Amino acid sequence: MTEWMAYESVTGPLGPRRLDALFAMLTATVANTARGKGTKAAAPKDFMPEWDRGAKQDWRDMLSAVKAYNSQIGGTDHTTKGGADDGDA
């Protein structure tokens, strides 16, 4: 799960949630129809979020993110004592 979350943080959401590219194209189209003469045309890349922030996360931060996601989807925590503060996951 942690690896998928890390992958998504670099490449963006997977599956049906990957609508950012579609909306970037749509937004660029709308922006270009409303632009004035002599104004630079907008490109979809102008509206794409930057997914890879290059920040390295500590394993504790990653575990916290996984636990938050697990809680959101109604999962259960099977780690020792509900955490891995001492490195026991």
C-alpha atoms as a PDB file:
ATOM      1  CA  MET A   1       0.000   0.000   0.000  1.00  0.00           C
ATOM      2  CA  THR A   2       2.826   2.384   0.880  1.00  0.00           C
ATOM      3  CA  GLU A   3       4.488   1.792  -2.480  1.00  0.00           C
ATOM      4  CA  TRP A   4       1.266   2.577  -4.353  1.00  0.00           C
ATOM      5  CA  MET A   5       0.833   5.770  -2.332  1.00  0.00           C
ATOM      6  CA  ALA A   6       4.425   6.765  -3.112  1.00  0.00           C
ATOM      7  CA  TYR A   7       3.870   5.982  -6.809  1.00  0.00           C
ATOM      8  CA  GLU A   8       0.729   8.130  -6.890  1.00  0.00           C
ATOM      9  CA  SER A   9       2.522  11.007  -5.190  1.00  0.00           C
ATOM     10  CA  VAL A  10       4.978  11.033  -8.098  1.00  0.00           C
ATOM     11  CA  THR A  11       2.737  10.220 -11.063  1.00  0.00           C
ATOM     12  CA  GLY A  12      -0.653  11.427  -9.865  1.00  0.00           C
ATOM     13  CA  PRO A  13      -3.802   9.469  -9.066  1.00  0.00           C
ATOM     14  CA  LEU A  14      -4.445   6.131 -10.754  1.00  0.00           C
ATOM     15  CA  GLY A  15      -7.623   4.868 -12.311  1.00  0.00           C
ATOM     16  CA  PRO A  16     -10.796   6.923 -12.718  1.00  0.00           C
ATOM     17  CA  ARG A  17      -9.391   9.584 -10.420  1.00  0.00           C
ATOM     18  CA  ARG A  18      -6.868  10.412 -13.160  1.00  0.00           C
ATOM     19  CA  LEU A  19      -9.080  13.095 -14.595  1.00  0.00           C
ATOM     20  CA  ASP A  20      -6.509  15.845 -14.094  1.00  0.00           C
ATOM     21  CA  ALA A  21      -5.235  15.446 -17.667  1.00  0.00           C
ATOM     22  CA  LEU A  22      -8.754  15.602 -19.096  1.00  0.00           C
ATOM     23  CA  PHE A  23      -9.635  18.686 -17.064  1.00  0.00           C
ATOM     24  CA  ALA A  24      -6.340  20.345 -17.973  1.00  0.00           C
ATOM     25  CA  MET A  25      -7.232  19.967 -21.658  1.00  0.00           C
ATOM     26  CA  LEU A  26     -10.740  21.249 -21.067  1.00  0.00           C
ATOM     27  CA  THR A  27      -9.524  24.211 -19.008  1.00  0.00           C
ATOM     28  CA  ALA A  28      -6.940  25.131 -21.632  1.00  0.00           C
ATOM     29  CA  THR A  29      -9.630  25.052 -24.309  1.00  0.00           C
ATOM     30  CA  VAL A  30     -11.923  27.303 -22.289  1.00  0.00           C
ATOM     31  CA  ALA A  31      -9.062  29.664 -21.425  1.00  0.00           C
ATOM     32  CA  ASN A  32      -8.071  29.920 -25.081  1.00  0.00           C
ATOM     33  CA  THR A  33     -11.606  30.788 -26.180  1.00  0.00           C
ATOM     34  CA  ALA A  34     -11.677  33.635 -23.651  1.00  0.00           C
ATOM     35  CA  ARG A  35      -8.188  35.037 -24.272  1.00  0.00           C
ATOM     36  CA  GLY A  36      -7.623  38.349 -25.956  1.00  0.00           C
ATOM     37  CA  LYS A  37      -5.700  38.969 -29.141  1.00  0.00           C
ATOM     38  CA  GLY A  38      -1.946  38.977 -28.660  1.00  0.00           C
ATOM     39  CA  THR A  39      -2.212  36.862 -25.512  1.00  0.00           C
ATOM     40  CA  LYS A  40      -0.222  33.654 -25.378  1.00  0.00           C
ATOM     41  CA  ALA A  41      -2.319  30.544 -25.891  1.00  0.00           C
ATOM     42  CA  ALA A  42      -2.753  28.331 -22.838  1.00  0.00           C
ATOM     43  CA  ALA A  43      -1.561  24.732 -22.963  1.00  0.00           C
ATOM     44  CA  PRO A  44      -2.912  21.816 -20.917  1.00  0.00           C
ATOM     45  CA  LYS A  45       0.423  21.628 -19.061  1.00  0.00           C
ATOM     46  CA  ASP A  46      -0.344  25.095 -17.656  1.00  0.00           C
ATOM     47  CA  PHE A  47      -3.231  23.566 -15.722  1.00  0.00           C
ATOM     48  CA  MET A  48      -1.696  20.242 -14.666  1.00  0.00           C
ATOM     49  CA  PRO A  49      -0.849  19.831 -10.972  1.00  0.00           C
ATOM     50  CA  GLU A  50       2.748  18.978 -10.137  1.00  0.00           C
ATOM     51  CA  TRP A  51       2.675  15.600  -8.452  1.00  0.00           C
ATOM     52  CA  ASP A  52       6.334  14.965  -7.757  1.00  0.00           C
ATOM     53  CA  ARG A  53       7.414  17.481  -5.166  1.00  0.00           C
ATOM     54  CA  GLY A  54      10.697  15.670  -4.688  1.00  0.00           C
ATOM     55  CA  ALA A  55      10.289  15.615  -0.917  1.00  0.00           C
ATOM     56  CA  LYS A  56      11.452  12.464   0.821  1.00  0.00           C
ATOM     57  CA  GLN A  57       9.133  11.219   3.530  1.00  0.00           C
ATOM     58  CA  ASP A  58      10.205   9.578   6.723  1.00  0.00           C
ATOM     59  CA  TRP A  59       8.742   6.090   7.229  1.00  0.00           C
ATOM     60  CA  ARG A  60       6.770   7.412  10.206  1.00  0.00           C
ATOM     61  CA  ASP A  61       5.105  10.018   7.983  1.00  0.00           C
ATOM     62  CA  MET A  62       4.306   7.343   5.394  1.00  0.00           C
ATOM     63  CA  LEU A  63       2.864   5.066   8.093  1.00  0.00           C
ATOM     64  CA  SER A  64       0.736   7.929   9.371  1.00  0.00           C
ATOM     65  CA  ALA A  65      -0.579   8.563   5.843  1.00  0.00           C
ATOM     66  CA  VAL A  66      -1.386   4.871   5.360  1.00  0.00           C
ATOM     67  CA  LYS A  67      -3.189   4.746   8.711  1.00  0.00           C
ATOM     68  CA  ALA A  68      -5.226   7.826   7.805  1.00  0.00           C
ATOM     69  CA  TYR A  69      -6.200   6.294   4.454  1.00  0.00           C
ATOM     70  CA  ASN A  70      -6.934   2.955   6.096  1.00  0.00           C
ATOM     71  CA  SER A  71      -9.233   4.701   8.552  1.00  0.00           C
ATOM     72  CA  GLN A  72     -11.016   6.574   5.747  1.00  0.00           C
ATOM     73  CA  ILE A  73     -11.864   3.359   3.943  1.00  0.00           C
ATOM     74  CA  GLY A  74     -12.988   1.623   7.143  1.00  0.00           C
ATOM     75  CA  GLY A  75      -9.977  -0.683   7.468  1.00  0.00           C
ATOM     76  CA  THR A  76      -8.610  -2.143  10.676  1.00  0.00           C
ATOM     77  CA  ASP A  77      -5.171  -1.638  12.193  1.00  0.00           C
ATOM     78  CA  HIS A  78      -3.298  -4.911  12.704  1.00  0.00           C
ATOM     79  CA  THR A  79       0.019  -3.392  13.725  1.00  0.00           C
ATOM     80  CA  THR A  80       1.385  -4.147  17.166  1.00  0.00           C
ATOM     81  CA  LYS A  81      -0.213  -1.790  19.696  1.00  0.00           C
ATOM     82  CA  GLY A  82      -1.830   0.166  16.882  1.00  0.00           C
ATOM     83  CA  GLY A  83       1.396   1.713  15.696  1.00  0.00           C
ATOM     84  CA  ALA A  84       4.981   1.338  14.757  1.00  0.00           C
ATOM     85  CA  ASP A  85       6.549   4.011  16.915  1.00  0.00           C
ATOM     86  CA  ASP A  86       9.253   1.592  17.988  1.00  0.00           C
ATOM     87  CA  GLY A  87       9.730   0.217  14.473  1.00  0.00           C
ATOM     88  CA  ASP A  88       7.426  -2.802  14.898  1.00  0.00           C
ATOM     89  CA  ALA A  89       4.930  -2.709  12.053  1.00  0.00           C
END
